[in-house]
N, C-alpha and C. Protein backbone atom coordinates (compact mmCIF):
# COMPACT_ATOMS: atom_id res chain seq x y z
N UNK A 1 56.21 -33.33 -25.73
CA UNK A 1 54.90 -32.81 -25.41
C UNK A 1 53.89 -33.50 -26.32
N UNK A 2 52.90 -34.09 -25.74
CA UNK A 2 51.89 -34.85 -26.46
C UNK A 2 50.83 -33.91 -27.06
N UNK A 3 50.75 -33.81 -28.38
CA UNK A 3 49.76 -32.92 -29.01
C UNK A 3 48.32 -33.27 -28.63
N UNK A 4 48.05 -34.55 -28.38
CA UNK A 4 46.69 -34.95 -27.97
C UNK A 4 46.35 -34.36 -26.61
N UNK A 5 47.32 -34.32 -25.71
CA UNK A 5 47.11 -33.72 -24.39
C UNK A 5 46.86 -32.22 -24.54
N UNK A 6 47.60 -31.58 -25.45
CA UNK A 6 47.42 -30.14 -25.70
C UNK A 6 46.01 -29.89 -26.23
N UNK A 7 45.57 -30.71 -27.17
CA UNK A 7 44.23 -30.56 -27.74
C UNK A 7 43.16 -30.76 -26.68
N UNK A 8 43.35 -31.75 -25.83
CA UNK A 8 42.40 -32.00 -24.74
C UNK A 8 42.36 -30.80 -23.78
N UNK A 9 43.51 -30.24 -23.48
CA UNK A 9 43.56 -29.06 -22.60
C UNK A 9 42.87 -27.87 -23.26
N UNK A 10 43.03 -27.74 -24.56
CA UNK A 10 42.36 -26.65 -25.29
C UNK A 10 40.84 -26.79 -25.24
N UNK A 11 40.37 -28.03 -25.21
CA UNK A 11 38.92 -28.27 -25.16
C UNK A 11 38.36 -28.11 -23.76
N UNK A 12 39.23 -27.89 -22.76
CA UNK A 12 38.74 -27.67 -21.40
C UNK A 12 38.91 -28.83 -20.46
N UNK A 13 39.62 -29.88 -20.85
CA UNK A 13 39.88 -31.02 -19.98
C UNK A 13 40.84 -30.56 -18.87
N UNK A 14 40.32 -30.49 -17.64
CA UNK A 14 41.09 -29.97 -16.51
C UNK A 14 42.31 -30.83 -16.20
N UNK A 15 42.18 -32.14 -16.28
CA UNK A 15 43.32 -33.02 -16.01
C UNK A 15 44.40 -32.85 -17.07
N UNK A 16 44.02 -32.73 -18.32
CA UNK A 16 44.98 -32.52 -19.40
C UNK A 16 45.69 -31.18 -19.22
N UNK A 17 44.94 -30.16 -18.85
CA UNK A 17 45.53 -28.85 -18.61
C UNK A 17 46.52 -28.90 -17.45
N UNK A 18 46.15 -29.59 -16.40
CA UNK A 18 47.03 -29.74 -15.25
C UNK A 18 48.33 -30.45 -15.64
N UNK A 19 48.21 -31.52 -16.40
CA UNK A 19 49.40 -32.25 -16.87
C UNK A 19 50.27 -31.35 -17.75
N UNK A 20 49.62 -30.61 -18.64
CA UNK A 20 50.34 -29.74 -19.55
C UNK A 20 51.12 -28.66 -18.79
N UNK A 21 50.46 -27.99 -17.87
CA UNK A 21 51.13 -26.95 -17.09
C UNK A 21 52.24 -27.52 -16.22
N UNK A 22 52.04 -28.72 -15.69
CA UNK A 22 53.11 -29.38 -14.92
C UNK A 22 54.33 -29.67 -15.79
N UNK A 23 54.10 -30.04 -17.04
CA UNK A 23 55.20 -30.30 -17.96
C UNK A 23 55.90 -29.02 -18.38
N UNK A 24 55.14 -27.96 -18.57
CA UNK A 24 55.69 -26.71 -19.05
C UNK A 24 56.38 -25.88 -17.96
N UNK A 25 55.92 -26.00 -16.72
CA UNK A 25 56.41 -25.14 -15.64
C UNK A 25 57.93 -25.13 -15.48
N UNK A 26 58.61 -26.28 -15.47
CA UNK A 26 60.07 -26.22 -15.30
C UNK A 26 60.78 -25.48 -16.44
N UNK A 27 60.32 -25.68 -17.66
CA UNK A 27 60.91 -24.99 -18.81
C UNK A 27 60.68 -23.49 -18.71
N UNK A 28 59.46 -23.10 -18.41
CA UNK A 28 59.12 -21.68 -18.28
C UNK A 28 59.93 -21.06 -17.15
N UNK A 29 60.04 -21.74 -16.04
CA UNK A 29 60.81 -21.24 -14.90
C UNK A 29 62.28 -21.04 -15.27
N UNK A 30 62.85 -22.01 -15.96
CA UNK A 30 64.27 -21.93 -16.35
C UNK A 30 64.51 -20.73 -17.26
N UNK A 31 63.65 -20.55 -18.26
CA UNK A 31 63.79 -19.41 -19.17
C UNK A 31 63.64 -18.09 -18.42
N UNK A 32 62.65 -17.99 -17.58
CA UNK A 32 62.42 -16.75 -16.82
C UNK A 32 63.59 -16.45 -15.88
N UNK A 33 64.13 -17.48 -15.26
CA UNK A 33 65.25 -17.29 -14.34
C UNK A 33 66.48 -16.76 -15.07
N UNK A 34 66.64 -17.12 -16.32
CA UNK A 34 67.81 -16.66 -17.07
C UNK A 34 67.61 -15.28 -17.69
N UNK A 35 66.40 -14.99 -18.10
CA UNK A 35 66.13 -13.72 -18.76
C UNK A 35 65.80 -12.62 -17.75
N UNK A 36 65.05 -12.97 -16.72
CA UNK A 36 64.63 -11.99 -15.71
C UNK A 36 64.95 -12.53 -14.32
N UNK A 37 66.23 -12.70 -13.99
CA UNK A 37 66.58 -13.36 -12.73
C UNK A 37 65.99 -12.70 -11.48
N UNK A 38 65.92 -11.40 -11.45
CA UNK A 38 65.40 -10.72 -10.27
C UNK A 38 63.88 -10.78 -10.19
N UNK A 39 63.24 -11.09 -11.29
CA UNK A 39 61.77 -11.16 -11.32
C UNK A 39 61.30 -12.53 -11.81
N UNK A 40 62.11 -13.56 -11.60
CA UNK A 40 61.83 -14.88 -12.16
C UNK A 40 60.51 -15.47 -11.68
N UNK A 41 60.22 -15.35 -10.40
CA UNK A 41 58.97 -15.92 -9.88
C UNK A 41 57.75 -15.25 -10.50
N UNK A 42 57.77 -13.93 -10.53
CA UNK A 42 56.65 -13.20 -11.13
C UNK A 42 56.54 -13.49 -12.62
N UNK A 43 57.67 -13.52 -13.31
CA UNK A 43 57.67 -13.79 -14.75
C UNK A 43 57.14 -15.19 -15.04
N UNK A 44 57.54 -16.16 -14.24
CA UNK A 44 57.06 -17.53 -14.41
C UNK A 44 55.55 -17.60 -14.24
N UNK A 45 55.08 -16.99 -13.18
CA UNK A 45 53.64 -17.00 -12.92
C UNK A 45 52.87 -16.30 -14.04
N UNK A 46 53.34 -15.15 -14.46
CA UNK A 46 52.65 -14.42 -15.53
C UNK A 46 52.70 -15.16 -16.86
N UNK A 47 53.84 -15.79 -17.15
CA UNK A 47 53.96 -16.53 -18.41
C UNK A 47 53.02 -17.73 -18.42
N UNK A 48 52.97 -18.47 -17.33
CA UNK A 48 52.07 -19.62 -17.25
C UNK A 48 50.61 -19.19 -17.33
N UNK A 49 50.29 -18.06 -16.72
CA UNK A 49 48.93 -17.53 -16.81
C UNK A 49 48.60 -17.14 -18.25
N UNK A 50 49.56 -16.51 -18.94
CA UNK A 50 49.35 -16.13 -20.33
C UNK A 50 49.16 -17.36 -21.21
N UNK A 51 49.92 -18.42 -20.94
CA UNK A 51 49.77 -19.68 -21.69
C UNK A 51 48.38 -20.24 -21.45
N UNK A 52 47.98 -20.27 -20.19
CA UNK A 52 46.66 -20.80 -19.84
C UNK A 52 45.55 -20.01 -20.54
N UNK A 53 45.64 -18.70 -20.51
CA UNK A 53 44.58 -17.87 -21.09
C UNK A 53 44.54 -17.95 -22.61
N UNK A 54 45.68 -18.07 -23.24
CA UNK A 54 45.72 -18.04 -24.71
C UNK A 54 45.73 -19.44 -25.34
N UNK A 55 45.79 -20.48 -24.53
CA UNK A 55 45.86 -21.84 -25.05
C UNK A 55 44.76 -22.18 -26.06
N UNK A 56 43.52 -21.77 -25.83
CA UNK A 56 42.49 -22.09 -26.82
C UNK A 56 42.76 -21.50 -28.20
N UNK A 57 43.54 -20.43 -28.27
CA UNK A 57 43.82 -19.79 -29.57
C UNK A 57 45.00 -20.43 -30.30
N UNK A 58 45.69 -21.35 -29.68
CA UNK A 58 46.82 -22.03 -30.34
C UNK A 58 46.28 -22.90 -31.46
N UNK A 59 46.73 -22.62 -32.68
CA UNK A 59 46.20 -23.32 -33.85
C UNK A 59 46.88 -24.66 -34.11
N UNK A 60 48.16 -24.76 -33.75
CA UNK A 60 48.92 -25.98 -34.04
C UNK A 60 49.44 -26.58 -32.74
N UNK A 61 48.71 -27.53 -32.16
CA UNK A 61 49.14 -28.12 -30.88
C UNK A 61 50.55 -28.71 -30.92
N UNK A 62 51.01 -29.14 -32.09
CA UNK A 62 52.35 -29.72 -32.19
C UNK A 62 53.44 -28.65 -32.05
N UNK A 63 53.06 -27.38 -32.16
CA UNK A 63 54.02 -26.28 -32.03
C UNK A 63 53.98 -25.64 -30.64
N UNK A 64 53.49 -26.39 -29.68
CA UNK A 64 53.30 -25.84 -28.33
C UNK A 64 54.58 -25.28 -27.73
N UNK A 65 55.70 -25.97 -27.90
CA UNK A 65 56.94 -25.52 -27.26
C UNK A 65 57.44 -24.21 -27.87
N UNK A 66 57.34 -24.07 -29.17
CA UNK A 66 57.76 -22.83 -29.83
C UNK A 66 56.87 -21.68 -29.36
N UNK A 67 55.59 -21.94 -29.28
CA UNK A 67 54.64 -20.93 -28.84
C UNK A 67 54.86 -20.55 -27.38
N UNK A 68 55.05 -21.55 -26.52
CA UNK A 68 55.30 -21.30 -25.10
C UNK A 68 56.59 -20.50 -24.93
N UNK A 69 57.62 -20.85 -25.71
CA UNK A 69 58.88 -20.11 -25.63
C UNK A 69 58.65 -18.64 -25.97
N UNK A 70 57.90 -18.36 -27.02
CA UNK A 70 57.63 -16.97 -27.41
C UNK A 70 56.88 -16.22 -26.32
N UNK A 71 55.85 -16.84 -25.79
CA UNK A 71 55.07 -16.20 -24.72
C UNK A 71 55.95 -15.95 -23.50
N UNK A 72 56.75 -16.93 -23.14
CA UNK A 72 57.60 -16.82 -21.96
C UNK A 72 58.67 -15.75 -22.14
N UNK A 73 59.31 -15.74 -23.28
CA UNK A 73 60.37 -14.76 -23.53
C UNK A 73 59.80 -13.35 -23.48
N UNK A 74 58.67 -13.12 -24.14
CA UNK A 74 58.06 -11.79 -24.12
C UNK A 74 57.70 -11.36 -22.69
N UNK A 75 57.15 -12.27 -21.93
CA UNK A 75 56.78 -11.96 -20.55
C UNK A 75 58.02 -11.67 -19.71
N UNK A 76 59.03 -12.51 -19.84
CA UNK A 76 60.26 -12.32 -19.05
C UNK A 76 60.95 -11.01 -19.41
N UNK A 77 60.99 -10.67 -20.69
CA UNK A 77 61.60 -9.40 -21.11
C UNK A 77 60.85 -8.22 -20.48
N UNK A 78 59.54 -8.27 -20.56
CA UNK A 78 58.73 -7.18 -20.00
C UNK A 78 58.99 -7.00 -18.51
N UNK A 79 59.01 -8.09 -17.77
CA UNK A 79 59.24 -7.98 -16.33
C UNK A 79 60.68 -7.62 -16.00
N UNK A 80 61.63 -8.11 -16.79
CA UNK A 80 63.04 -7.76 -16.56
C UNK A 80 63.24 -6.27 -16.79
N UNK A 81 62.64 -5.73 -17.85
CA UNK A 81 62.77 -4.30 -18.11
C UNK A 81 62.14 -3.48 -17.00
N UNK A 82 60.97 -3.91 -16.56
CA UNK A 82 60.31 -3.19 -15.47
C UNK A 82 61.19 -3.21 -14.22
N UNK A 83 61.74 -4.37 -13.91
CA UNK A 83 62.59 -4.49 -12.73
C UNK A 83 63.85 -3.66 -12.89
N UNK A 84 64.47 -3.70 -14.07
CA UNK A 84 65.69 -2.93 -14.31
C UNK A 84 65.44 -1.44 -14.17
N UNK A 85 64.27 -0.97 -14.61
CA UNK A 85 63.94 0.44 -14.46
C UNK A 85 63.78 0.81 -12.99
N UNK A 86 63.19 -0.07 -12.22
CA UNK A 86 63.00 0.20 -10.80
C UNK A 86 64.32 0.20 -10.04
N UNK A 87 65.19 -0.73 -10.37
CA UNK A 87 66.43 -0.91 -9.63
C UNK A 87 67.56 0.00 -10.13
N UNK A 88 67.60 0.25 -11.43
CA UNK A 88 68.74 0.93 -12.03
C UNK A 88 68.62 2.45 -12.04
N UNK A 89 68.00 3.01 -11.04
CA UNK A 89 67.91 4.47 -10.98
C UNK A 89 69.28 5.08 -10.72
N UNK A 90 70.15 4.33 -10.08
CA UNK A 90 71.50 4.81 -9.82
C UNK A 90 72.49 3.94 -10.59
N UNK A 91 72.81 4.33 -11.82
CA UNK A 91 73.69 3.54 -12.69
C UNK A 91 75.08 3.35 -12.08
N UNK A 92 75.57 4.31 -11.34
CA UNK A 92 76.92 4.17 -10.79
C UNK A 92 76.98 3.01 -9.81
N UNK A 93 75.92 2.77 -9.10
CA UNK A 93 75.89 1.65 -8.18
C UNK A 93 75.98 0.32 -8.93
N UNK A 94 75.30 0.23 -10.08
CA UNK A 94 75.37 -0.98 -10.88
C UNK A 94 76.77 -1.21 -11.44
N UNK A 95 77.39 -0.14 -11.94
CA UNK A 95 78.74 -0.27 -12.49
C UNK A 95 79.72 -0.68 -11.40
N UNK A 96 79.62 -0.08 -10.23
CA UNK A 96 80.52 -0.43 -9.13
C UNK A 96 80.33 -1.89 -8.74
N UNK A 97 79.09 -2.36 -8.68
CA UNK A 97 78.82 -3.75 -8.31
C UNK A 97 79.37 -4.71 -9.37
N UNK A 98 79.22 -4.36 -10.64
CA UNK A 98 79.68 -5.24 -11.72
C UNK A 98 81.19 -5.37 -11.73
N UNK A 99 81.89 -4.36 -11.26
CA UNK A 99 83.35 -4.43 -11.31
C UNK A 99 83.96 -5.00 -10.05
N UNK A 100 83.16 -5.30 -9.05
CA UNK A 100 83.73 -5.85 -7.82
C UNK A 100 83.87 -7.36 -7.96
N UNK A 101 85.09 -7.89 -7.77
CA UNK A 101 85.33 -9.32 -7.98
C UNK A 101 84.52 -10.20 -7.03
N UNK A 102 84.28 -9.74 -5.82
CA UNK A 102 83.52 -10.57 -4.88
C UNK A 102 82.05 -10.65 -5.26
N UNK A 103 81.57 -9.74 -6.12
CA UNK A 103 80.17 -9.74 -6.53
C UNK A 103 79.87 -10.74 -7.63
N UNK A 104 80.88 -11.15 -8.38
CA UNK A 104 80.66 -12.06 -9.50
C UNK A 104 80.72 -13.50 -9.03
N UNK A 105 79.60 -14.18 -9.05
CA UNK A 105 79.54 -15.53 -8.50
C UNK A 105 79.63 -16.58 -9.59
N UNK A 106 78.85 -16.44 -10.63
CA UNK A 106 78.82 -17.47 -11.66
C UNK A 106 78.29 -16.90 -12.98
N UNK A 107 78.10 -17.78 -13.91
CA UNK A 107 77.64 -17.37 -15.24
C UNK A 107 76.28 -16.68 -15.17
N UNK A 108 75.36 -17.23 -14.39
CA UNK A 108 74.04 -16.63 -14.29
C UNK A 108 74.11 -15.22 -13.71
N UNK A 109 75.03 -15.01 -12.77
CA UNK A 109 75.21 -13.69 -12.20
C UNK A 109 75.74 -12.73 -13.26
N UNK A 110 76.70 -13.19 -14.07
CA UNK A 110 77.24 -12.36 -15.14
C UNK A 110 76.14 -12.03 -16.16
N UNK A 111 75.32 -13.02 -16.50
CA UNK A 111 74.21 -12.78 -17.43
C UNK A 111 73.24 -11.75 -16.87
N UNK A 112 72.97 -11.84 -15.59
CA UNK A 112 72.01 -10.93 -14.96
C UNK A 112 72.48 -9.48 -15.03
N UNK A 113 73.77 -9.28 -15.18
CA UNK A 113 74.32 -7.92 -15.23
C UNK A 113 74.24 -7.29 -16.62
N UNK A 114 73.88 -8.07 -17.61
CA UNK A 114 73.76 -7.55 -18.97
C UNK A 114 72.41 -6.87 -19.15
N UNK A 115 72.33 -5.92 -20.08
CA UNK A 115 71.02 -5.34 -20.41
C UNK A 115 70.09 -6.44 -20.94
N UNK A 116 68.81 -6.28 -20.73
CA UNK A 116 67.83 -7.30 -21.10
C UNK A 116 67.94 -7.67 -22.58
N UNK A 117 68.10 -6.69 -23.45
CA UNK A 117 68.15 -6.99 -24.89
C UNK A 117 69.34 -7.87 -25.24
N UNK A 118 70.44 -7.72 -24.54
CA UNK A 118 71.61 -8.56 -24.77
C UNK A 118 71.46 -9.91 -24.07
N UNK A 119 70.94 -9.88 -22.86
CA UNK A 119 70.79 -11.11 -22.08
C UNK A 119 69.89 -12.12 -22.80
N UNK A 120 68.78 -11.64 -23.34
CA UNK A 120 67.81 -12.55 -23.95
C UNK A 120 68.39 -13.24 -25.19
N UNK A 121 69.10 -12.50 -26.04
CA UNK A 121 69.65 -13.16 -27.23
C UNK A 121 70.75 -14.14 -26.86
N UNK A 122 71.54 -13.81 -25.85
CA UNK A 122 72.61 -14.70 -25.42
C UNK A 122 72.04 -15.98 -24.79
N UNK A 123 71.01 -15.84 -23.98
CA UNK A 123 70.37 -17.01 -23.36
C UNK A 123 69.74 -17.90 -24.43
N UNK A 124 69.01 -17.30 -25.36
CA UNK A 124 68.35 -18.10 -26.39
C UNK A 124 69.36 -18.80 -27.29
N UNK A 125 70.48 -18.16 -27.55
CA UNK A 125 71.50 -18.77 -28.42
C UNK A 125 72.32 -19.83 -27.69
N UNK A 126 72.86 -19.47 -26.54
CA UNK A 126 73.81 -20.38 -25.87
C UNK A 126 73.14 -21.40 -24.97
N UNK A 127 72.09 -21.01 -24.29
CA UNK A 127 71.46 -21.92 -23.34
C UNK A 127 70.32 -22.72 -23.96
N UNK A 128 69.59 -22.10 -24.87
CA UNK A 128 68.46 -22.79 -25.50
C UNK A 128 68.83 -23.39 -26.85
N UNK A 129 69.98 -22.99 -27.40
CA UNK A 129 70.46 -23.57 -28.65
C UNK A 129 69.69 -23.14 -29.89
N UNK A 130 69.03 -22.00 -29.84
CA UNK A 130 68.27 -21.53 -31.00
C UNK A 130 69.20 -20.93 -32.04
N UNK A 131 68.81 -21.04 -33.29
CA UNK A 131 69.56 -20.39 -34.38
C UNK A 131 69.23 -18.90 -34.35
N UNK A 132 70.01 -18.14 -35.11
CA UNK A 132 69.74 -16.70 -35.18
C UNK A 132 68.37 -16.44 -35.78
N UNK A 133 67.97 -17.25 -36.76
CA UNK A 133 66.65 -17.09 -37.37
C UNK A 133 65.54 -17.41 -36.36
N UNK A 134 65.72 -18.46 -35.57
CA UNK A 134 64.71 -18.81 -34.56
C UNK A 134 64.60 -17.72 -33.49
N UNK A 135 65.73 -17.14 -33.12
CA UNK A 135 65.71 -16.04 -32.15
C UNK A 135 64.96 -14.85 -32.74
N UNK A 136 65.25 -14.54 -34.00
CA UNK A 136 64.58 -13.43 -34.67
C UNK A 136 63.07 -13.65 -34.70
N UNK A 137 62.66 -14.86 -34.99
CA UNK A 137 61.23 -15.18 -35.03
C UNK A 137 60.61 -15.06 -33.64
N UNK A 138 61.30 -15.59 -32.64
CA UNK A 138 60.80 -15.55 -31.27
C UNK A 138 60.63 -14.11 -30.78
N UNK A 139 61.62 -13.27 -31.09
CA UNK A 139 61.59 -11.89 -30.60
C UNK A 139 60.87 -10.92 -31.53
N UNK A 140 60.60 -11.38 -32.77
CA UNK A 140 59.93 -10.51 -33.73
C UNK A 140 60.82 -9.38 -34.22
N UNK A 141 62.11 -9.69 -34.39
CA UNK A 141 63.08 -8.70 -34.88
C UNK A 141 63.84 -9.29 -36.06
N UNK A 142 64.48 -8.43 -36.88
CA UNK A 142 65.25 -8.95 -38.02
C UNK A 142 66.47 -9.77 -37.57
N UNK A 143 66.88 -10.70 -38.42
CA UNK A 143 68.04 -11.54 -38.13
C UNK A 143 69.30 -10.70 -37.95
N UNK A 144 69.45 -9.65 -38.73
CA UNK A 144 70.61 -8.76 -38.59
C UNK A 144 70.68 -8.12 -37.21
N UNK A 145 69.53 -7.78 -36.66
CA UNK A 145 69.48 -7.21 -35.31
C UNK A 145 69.93 -8.25 -34.30
N UNK A 146 69.50 -9.49 -34.49
CA UNK A 146 69.93 -10.57 -33.60
C UNK A 146 71.44 -10.71 -33.64
N UNK A 147 72.01 -10.69 -34.85
CA UNK A 147 73.46 -10.85 -34.99
C UNK A 147 74.21 -9.73 -34.28
N UNK A 148 73.76 -8.51 -34.44
CA UNK A 148 74.45 -7.39 -33.80
C UNK A 148 74.29 -7.44 -32.28
N UNK A 149 73.10 -7.82 -31.81
CA UNK A 149 72.90 -7.93 -30.36
C UNK A 149 73.75 -9.05 -29.78
N UNK A 150 73.85 -10.15 -30.52
CA UNK A 150 74.70 -11.25 -30.05
C UNK A 150 76.15 -10.81 -29.95
N UNK A 151 76.62 -10.08 -30.94
CA UNK A 151 78.00 -9.60 -30.92
C UNK A 151 78.23 -8.71 -29.70
N UNK A 152 77.34 -7.74 -29.48
CA UNK A 152 77.47 -6.84 -28.33
C UNK A 152 77.31 -7.60 -27.02
N UNK A 153 76.41 -8.57 -26.98
CA UNK A 153 76.18 -9.34 -25.75
C UNK A 153 77.41 -10.17 -25.38
N UNK A 154 78.03 -10.79 -26.37
CA UNK A 154 79.23 -11.59 -26.09
C UNK A 154 80.36 -10.70 -25.57
N UNK A 155 80.52 -9.54 -26.18
CA UNK A 155 81.57 -8.61 -25.73
C UNK A 155 81.27 -8.11 -24.32
N UNK A 156 80.04 -7.77 -24.05
CA UNK A 156 79.67 -7.29 -22.72
C UNK A 156 79.81 -8.38 -21.67
N UNK A 157 79.44 -9.61 -22.04
CA UNK A 157 79.58 -10.74 -21.12
C UNK A 157 81.06 -10.95 -20.76
N UNK A 158 81.91 -10.93 -21.79
CA UNK A 158 83.36 -11.10 -21.55
C UNK A 158 83.88 -10.02 -20.60
N UNK A 159 83.42 -8.79 -20.82
CA UNK A 159 83.87 -7.68 -19.99
C UNK A 159 83.45 -7.87 -18.54
N UNK A 160 82.19 -8.27 -18.33
CA UNK A 160 81.69 -8.51 -16.98
C UNK A 160 82.41 -9.68 -16.34
N UNK A 161 82.58 -10.74 -17.11
CA UNK A 161 83.21 -11.96 -16.59
C UNK A 161 84.66 -11.71 -16.18
N UNK A 162 85.37 -10.92 -16.98
CA UNK A 162 86.80 -10.71 -16.72
C UNK A 162 87.06 -9.61 -15.71
N UNK A 163 86.04 -8.83 -15.37
CA UNK A 163 86.27 -7.73 -14.41
C UNK A 163 86.26 -8.22 -12.98
């Protein structure tokens, strides 16, 4: 990501902003699809809108990817939780679906079956390659909390995968 392009976009250069959003969109979409699979389109759109609106306040253009990741993760978590609350009114239906072998298609499907708090730490660690400290910073939680969530997430993933 070119910091000069970020700075130009911050100053209101429409072409620079267009280039920047074009570069960021696939990354934002990928993160949203993993964290909030059922609400990925909405999460992507909201995250890109949040980036667009808050871009002038970014103090360090060279840190754009870290900042975009934080904005995207927070947005995806919020929409995933909202979606989970809407869909998970009948927990028995979710448990029955998770244990049916024909329902488990792939890794992304198994991830989607985890609670949002577990899914996000697992995605950031295994798919994005972030350290526990980077995850803690991104989520605004203590490193110890990240470690415990990762432990529970790995155990829950194994259970879903093997069922």
